[in-house]
């Protein structure tokens, strides 16, 4: 079964940054990727390339062989660990973070009252 999620929308809700702003930021992010690829391709035109890009959550590898382009994503160790915890332990890390934040806010209000 395939599931589709709108991560930009979710991030907008969590961060209160409007999704239009996040979408514009993602456009800039993509332009940086295109620029890195253009630089690598221009360095030795016609040669096969393996371009590795650190995209913050892992490495995006772009292989260029002749006119064929292949993509591979390797998650960062932090992302890999978190996904494994989510799948194997059925743990929702976002709920954990939100719960801790809520408890901290309640605790701070309680401390201020005393």
N, C-alpha and C. Protein backbone atom coordinates (compact mmCIF):
# COMPACT_ATOMS: atom_id res chain seq x y z
N UNK A 1 0.83 -1.18 0.00
CA UNK A 1 0.00 0.00 0.00
C UNK A 1 0.88 1.24 0.00
N UNK A 2 0.49 2.23 -0.76
CA UNK A 2 1.24 3.48 -0.85
C UNK A 2 0.53 4.58 -0.06
N UNK A 3 1.30 5.33 0.70
CA UNK A 3 0.77 6.44 1.48
C UNK A 3 1.43 7.72 0.99
N UNK A 4 0.67 8.78 0.87
CA UNK A 4 1.20 10.07 0.45
C UNK A 4 0.97 11.10 1.55
N UNK A 5 2.01 11.85 1.87
CA UNK A 5 1.91 12.87 2.90
C UNK A 5 2.49 14.17 2.37
N UNK A 6 1.95 15.29 2.82
CA UNK A 6 2.43 16.62 2.43
C UNK A 6 3.30 17.15 3.56
N UNK A 7 4.59 16.88 3.48
CA UNK A 7 5.52 17.26 4.55
C UNK A 7 5.63 18.78 4.68
N UNK A 8 5.57 19.50 3.57
CA UNK A 8 5.63 20.97 3.62
C UNK A 8 4.44 21.50 4.43
N UNK A 9 3.27 20.97 4.20
CA UNK A 9 2.08 21.40 4.94
C UNK A 9 2.24 21.08 6.43
N UNK A 10 2.72 19.88 6.74
CA UNK A 10 2.93 19.49 8.14
C UNK A 10 3.95 20.40 8.81
N UNK A 11 5.04 20.68 8.11
CA UNK A 11 6.07 21.56 8.66
C UNK A 11 5.53 22.97 8.87
N UNK A 12 4.69 23.42 7.95
CA UNK A 12 4.07 24.72 8.09
C UNK A 12 3.21 24.78 9.36
N UNK A 13 2.46 23.74 9.60
CA UNK A 13 1.60 23.68 10.78
C UNK A 13 2.43 23.67 12.06
N UNK A 14 3.49 22.89 12.07
CA UNK A 14 4.34 22.78 13.26
C UNK A 14 5.13 24.06 13.54
N UNK A 15 5.61 24.69 12.48
CA UNK A 15 6.51 25.83 12.66
C UNK A 15 5.79 27.17 12.61
N UNK A 16 4.55 27.18 12.18
CA UNK A 16 3.77 28.40 11.92
C UNK A 16 4.36 29.26 10.81
N UNK A 17 5.27 28.69 10.03
CA UNK A 17 5.78 29.37 8.84
C UNK A 17 4.82 29.02 7.70
N UNK A 18 4.28 30.02 7.02
CA UNK A 18 3.31 29.73 5.95
C UNK A 18 3.88 28.78 4.90
N UNK A 19 3.02 27.87 4.41
CA UNK A 19 3.49 26.89 3.44
C UNK A 19 4.02 27.55 2.17
N UNK A 20 3.51 28.72 1.81
CA UNK A 20 4.03 29.43 0.63
C UNK A 20 5.48 29.83 0.84
N UNK A 21 5.83 30.23 2.05
CA UNK A 21 7.22 30.60 2.37
C UNK A 21 8.11 29.36 2.32
N UNK A 22 7.62 28.26 2.89
CA UNK A 22 8.41 27.02 2.85
C UNK A 22 8.58 26.52 1.42
N UNK A 23 7.55 26.67 0.60
CA UNK A 23 7.65 26.26 -0.80
C UNK A 23 8.69 27.11 -1.53
N UNK A 24 8.72 28.41 -1.25
CA UNK A 24 9.74 29.28 -1.86
C UNK A 24 11.14 28.87 -1.39
N UNK A 25 11.25 28.51 -0.10
CA UNK A 25 12.53 28.04 0.43
C UNK A 25 12.97 26.76 -0.27
N UNK A 26 12.03 25.85 -0.49
CA UNK A 26 12.35 24.60 -1.19
C UNK A 26 12.78 24.88 -2.64
N UNK A 27 12.18 25.88 -3.27
CA UNK A 27 12.62 26.27 -4.61
C UNK A 27 14.09 26.69 -4.59
N UNK A 28 14.48 27.47 -3.60
CA UNK A 28 15.88 27.91 -3.46
C UNK A 28 16.79 26.70 -3.21
N UNK A 29 16.31 25.79 -2.38
CA UNK A 29 17.03 24.56 -2.07
C UNK A 29 17.30 23.78 -3.36
N UNK A 30 16.28 23.66 -4.19
CA UNK A 30 16.43 22.94 -5.46
C UNK A 30 17.40 23.65 -6.39
N UNK A 31 17.34 24.98 -6.43
CA UNK A 31 18.29 25.73 -7.27
C UNK A 31 19.73 25.45 -6.84
N UNK A 32 19.96 25.31 -5.54
CA UNK A 32 21.31 24.97 -5.06
C UNK A 32 21.73 23.60 -5.56
N UNK A 33 20.79 22.65 -5.57
CA UNK A 33 21.09 21.32 -6.10
C UNK A 33 21.41 21.40 -7.59
N UNK A 34 20.58 22.14 -8.34
CA UNK A 34 20.82 22.28 -9.78
C UNK A 34 22.18 22.91 -10.06
N UNK A 35 22.55 23.90 -9.24
CA UNK A 35 23.84 24.57 -9.42
C UNK A 35 25.00 23.61 -9.17
N UNK A 36 24.90 22.80 -8.12
CA UNK A 36 25.96 21.83 -7.81
C UNK A 36 26.10 20.83 -8.96
N UNK A 37 24.97 20.36 -9.48
CA UNK A 37 25.00 19.42 -10.61
C UNK A 37 25.61 20.09 -11.83
N UNK A 38 25.22 21.32 -12.11
CA UNK A 38 25.76 22.04 -13.27
C UNK A 38 27.27 22.21 -13.16
N UNK A 39 27.76 22.53 -11.95
CA UNK A 39 29.20 22.67 -11.74
C UNK A 39 29.92 21.35 -12.00
N UNK A 40 29.37 20.26 -11.49
CA UNK A 40 30.01 18.95 -11.67
C UNK A 40 30.01 18.54 -13.13
N UNK A 41 28.92 18.78 -13.82
CA UNK A 41 28.81 18.39 -15.23
C UNK A 41 29.76 19.24 -16.09
N UNK A 42 29.89 20.52 -15.75
CA UNK A 42 30.74 21.42 -16.53
C UNK A 42 32.22 21.13 -16.34
N UNK A 43 32.58 20.52 -15.21
CA UNK A 43 33.99 20.28 -14.91
C UNK A 43 34.66 19.39 -15.95
N UNK A 44 34.06 18.30 -16.30
CA UNK A 44 34.60 17.40 -17.33
C UNK A 44 33.44 16.94 -18.21
N UNK A 45 33.03 17.77 -19.16
CA UNK A 45 31.88 17.43 -19.99
C UNK A 45 32.05 16.08 -20.69
N UNK A 46 30.95 15.33 -20.76
CA UNK A 46 30.97 14.05 -21.44
C UNK A 46 31.42 12.88 -20.58
N UNK A 47 32.01 13.17 -19.45
CA UNK A 47 32.48 12.11 -18.55
C UNK A 47 31.35 11.63 -17.65
N UNK A 48 31.38 10.35 -17.28
CA UNK A 48 30.41 9.84 -16.31
C UNK A 48 30.65 10.53 -14.98
N UNK A 49 29.58 10.76 -14.25
CA UNK A 49 29.70 11.49 -12.98
C UNK A 49 28.95 10.76 -11.87
N UNK A 50 29.46 10.92 -10.67
CA UNK A 50 28.74 10.54 -9.46
C UNK A 50 28.80 11.77 -8.57
N UNK A 51 27.64 12.37 -8.35
CA UNK A 51 27.56 13.63 -7.62
C UNK A 51 26.84 13.36 -6.30
N UNK A 52 27.53 13.62 -5.19
CA UNK A 52 26.95 13.41 -3.86
C UNK A 52 26.63 14.76 -3.24
N UNK A 53 25.38 14.93 -2.81
CA UNK A 53 24.92 16.19 -2.24
C UNK A 53 24.39 15.96 -0.82
N UNK A 54 24.97 16.66 0.14
CA UNK A 54 24.47 16.60 1.52
C UNK A 54 23.23 17.49 1.57
N UNK A 55 22.06 16.89 1.77
CA UNK A 55 20.82 17.66 1.77
C UNK A 55 20.22 17.81 3.17
N UNK A 56 21.04 17.60 4.18
CA UNK A 56 20.60 17.84 5.54
C UNK A 56 20.00 16.63 6.24
N UNK A 57 19.26 15.82 5.53
CA UNK A 57 18.67 14.62 6.11
C UNK A 57 19.34 13.36 5.58
N UNK A 58 20.37 13.58 4.79
CA UNK A 58 21.10 12.47 4.19
C UNK A 58 21.83 12.94 2.95
N UNK A 59 22.27 11.98 2.15
CA UNK A 59 23.01 12.27 0.93
C UNK A 59 22.19 11.86 -0.28
N UNK A 60 22.02 12.81 -1.18
CA UNK A 60 21.38 12.53 -2.46
C UNK A 60 22.50 12.31 -3.46
N UNK A 61 22.56 11.11 -4.02
CA UNK A 61 23.58 10.80 -5.02
C UNK A 61 22.92 10.82 -6.39
N UNK A 62 23.56 11.53 -7.30
CA UNK A 62 23.06 11.61 -8.67
C UNK A 62 24.15 11.05 -9.57
N UNK A 63 23.82 9.97 -10.24
CA UNK A 63 24.75 9.35 -11.18
C UNK A 63 24.39 9.74 -12.60
N UNK A 64 25.37 10.17 -13.35
CA UNK A 64 25.15 10.55 -14.75
C UNK A 64 26.06 9.68 -15.60
N UNK A 65 25.44 8.82 -16.41
CA UNK A 65 26.17 7.96 -17.33
C UNK A 65 25.56 8.19 -18.71
N UNK A 66 26.38 8.76 -19.60
CA UNK A 66 25.88 9.18 -20.92
C UNK A 66 24.70 10.12 -20.71
N UNK A 67 23.55 9.77 -21.19
CA UNK A 67 22.36 10.60 -21.01
C UNK A 67 21.39 10.00 -19.99
N UNK A 68 21.86 9.04 -19.21
CA UNK A 68 21.03 8.40 -18.20
C UNK A 68 21.35 8.98 -16.83
N UNK A 69 20.30 9.35 -16.10
CA UNK A 69 20.46 9.92 -14.77
C UNK A 69 19.80 8.99 -13.76
N UNK A 70 20.55 8.63 -12.72
CA UNK A 70 20.01 7.77 -11.67
C UNK A 70 20.18 8.46 -10.34
N UNK A 71 19.19 8.27 -9.47
CA UNK A 71 19.18 8.90 -8.16
C UNK A 71 19.23 7.84 -7.07
N UNK A 72 19.91 8.19 -5.98
CA UNK A 72 19.94 7.31 -4.81
C UNK A 72 19.97 8.21 -3.58
N UNK A 73 19.22 7.82 -2.57
CA UNK A 73 19.20 8.58 -1.32
C UNK A 73 19.72 7.70 -0.20
N UNK A 74 20.67 8.23 0.55
CA UNK A 74 21.22 7.53 1.71
C UNK A 74 20.93 8.41 2.93
N UNK A 75 20.08 7.95 3.85
CA UNK A 75 19.72 8.78 5.00
C UNK A 75 20.91 9.01 5.93
N UNK A 76 20.88 10.15 6.63
CA UNK A 76 21.89 10.42 7.65
C UNK A 76 21.71 9.38 8.76
N UNK A 77 22.74 9.23 9.59
CA UNK A 77 22.64 8.25 10.67
C UNK A 77 21.51 8.61 11.63
N UNK A 78 21.32 9.91 11.85
CA UNK A 78 20.24 10.37 12.73
C UNK A 78 18.87 10.00 12.15
N UNK A 79 18.69 10.23 10.87
CA UNK A 79 17.41 9.89 10.24
C UNK A 79 17.20 8.39 10.23
N UNK A 80 18.25 7.67 9.90
CA UNK A 80 18.17 6.20 9.86
C UNK A 80 17.75 5.65 11.23
N UNK A 81 18.39 6.13 12.28
CA UNK A 81 18.07 5.69 13.64
C UNK A 81 16.62 6.02 14.00
N UNK A 82 16.19 7.23 13.68
CA UNK A 82 14.83 7.67 14.01
C UNK A 82 13.77 6.88 13.26
N UNK A 83 14.01 6.61 11.98
CA UNK A 83 13.05 5.82 11.20
C UNK A 83 12.98 4.40 11.75
N UNK A 84 14.13 3.84 12.11
CA UNK A 84 14.13 2.49 12.69
C UNK A 84 13.37 2.46 14.00
N UNK A 85 13.57 3.47 14.85
CA UNK A 85 12.83 3.54 16.11
C UNK A 85 11.33 3.61 15.85
N UNK A 86 10.95 4.40 14.86
CA UNK A 86 9.54 4.56 14.52
C UNK A 86 8.94 3.25 14.04
N UNK A 87 9.64 2.56 13.16
CA UNK A 87 9.12 1.32 12.58
C UNK A 87 9.18 0.16 13.56
N UNK A 88 10.34 -0.05 14.15
CA UNK A 88 10.53 -1.23 15.01
C UNK A 88 9.85 -1.11 16.37
N UNK A 89 9.84 0.10 16.92
CA UNK A 89 9.27 0.30 18.25
C UNK A 89 7.89 0.94 18.20
N UNK A 90 7.39 1.15 17.00
CA UNK A 90 6.10 1.81 16.81
C UNK A 90 6.02 3.08 17.65
N UNK A 91 7.07 3.86 17.56
CA UNK A 91 7.20 5.07 18.35
C UNK A 91 7.03 6.28 17.45
N UNK A 92 6.18 7.23 17.86
CA UNK A 92 5.99 8.45 17.09
C UNK A 92 6.84 9.55 17.73
N UNK A 93 7.99 9.84 17.12
CA UNK A 93 8.93 10.79 17.71
C UNK A 93 8.36 12.20 17.74
N UNK A 94 7.52 12.55 16.77
CA UNK A 94 6.90 13.88 16.78
C UNK A 94 5.99 14.02 18.00
N UNK A 95 5.21 13.01 18.29
CA UNK A 95 4.35 13.05 19.48
C UNK A 95 5.19 13.19 20.74
N UNK A 96 6.32 12.48 20.80
CA UNK A 96 7.21 12.58 21.96
C UNK A 96 7.71 14.02 22.15
N UNK A 97 8.13 14.64 21.06
CA UNK A 97 8.67 16.01 21.13
C UNK A 97 7.56 16.99 21.53
N UNK A 98 6.40 16.85 20.93
CA UNK A 98 5.29 17.75 21.25
C UNK A 98 4.84 17.58 22.70
N UNK A 99 4.80 16.33 23.16
CA UNK A 99 4.41 16.06 24.55
C UNK A 99 5.41 16.68 25.52
N UNK A 100 6.69 16.53 25.25
CA UNK A 100 7.72 17.11 26.12
C UNK A 100 7.60 18.63 26.14
N UNK A 101 7.37 19.23 24.98
CA UNK A 101 7.22 20.68 24.89
C UNK A 101 6.02 21.15 25.72
N UNK A 102 4.94 20.41 25.62
CA UNK A 102 3.73 20.75 26.38
C UNK A 102 3.98 20.65 27.88
N UNK A 103 4.62 19.56 28.30
CA UNK A 103 4.92 19.37 29.72
C UNK A 103 5.84 20.48 30.21
N UNK A 104 6.85 20.84 29.42
CA UNK A 104 7.78 21.91 29.81
C UNK A 104 7.04 23.24 29.99
N UNK A 105 6.10 23.53 29.09
CA UNK A 105 5.34 24.79 29.20
C UNK A 105 4.48 24.80 30.45
N UNK A 106 3.83 23.69 30.73
CA UNK A 106 2.98 23.60 31.94
C UNK A 106 3.85 23.74 33.19
N UNK A 107 5.00 23.08 33.18
CA UNK A 107 5.92 23.14 34.32
C UNK A 107 6.38 24.58 34.56
N UNK A 108 6.73 25.29 33.48
CA UNK A 108 7.18 26.67 33.61
C UNK A 108 6.08 27.57 34.15
N UNK A 109 4.86 27.39 33.70
CA UNK A 109 3.73 28.19 34.21
C UNK A 109 3.53 27.89 35.69
N UNK A 110 3.61 26.62 36.06
CA UNK A 110 3.45 26.22 37.45
C UNK A 110 4.54 26.85 38.32
N UNK A 111 5.78 26.84 37.84
CA UNK A 111 6.90 27.43 38.59
C UNK A 111 6.70 28.93 38.78
N UNK A 112 6.18 29.60 37.74
CA UNK A 112 5.95 31.04 37.85
C UNK A 112 4.87 31.38 38.86
N UNK A 113 3.89 30.48 39.00
CA UNK A 113 2.82 30.71 39.97
C UNK A 113 3.29 30.55 41.41
N UNK A 114 4.31 29.72 41.60
CA UNK A 114 4.84 29.51 42.95
C UNK A 114 5.82 30.58 43.25
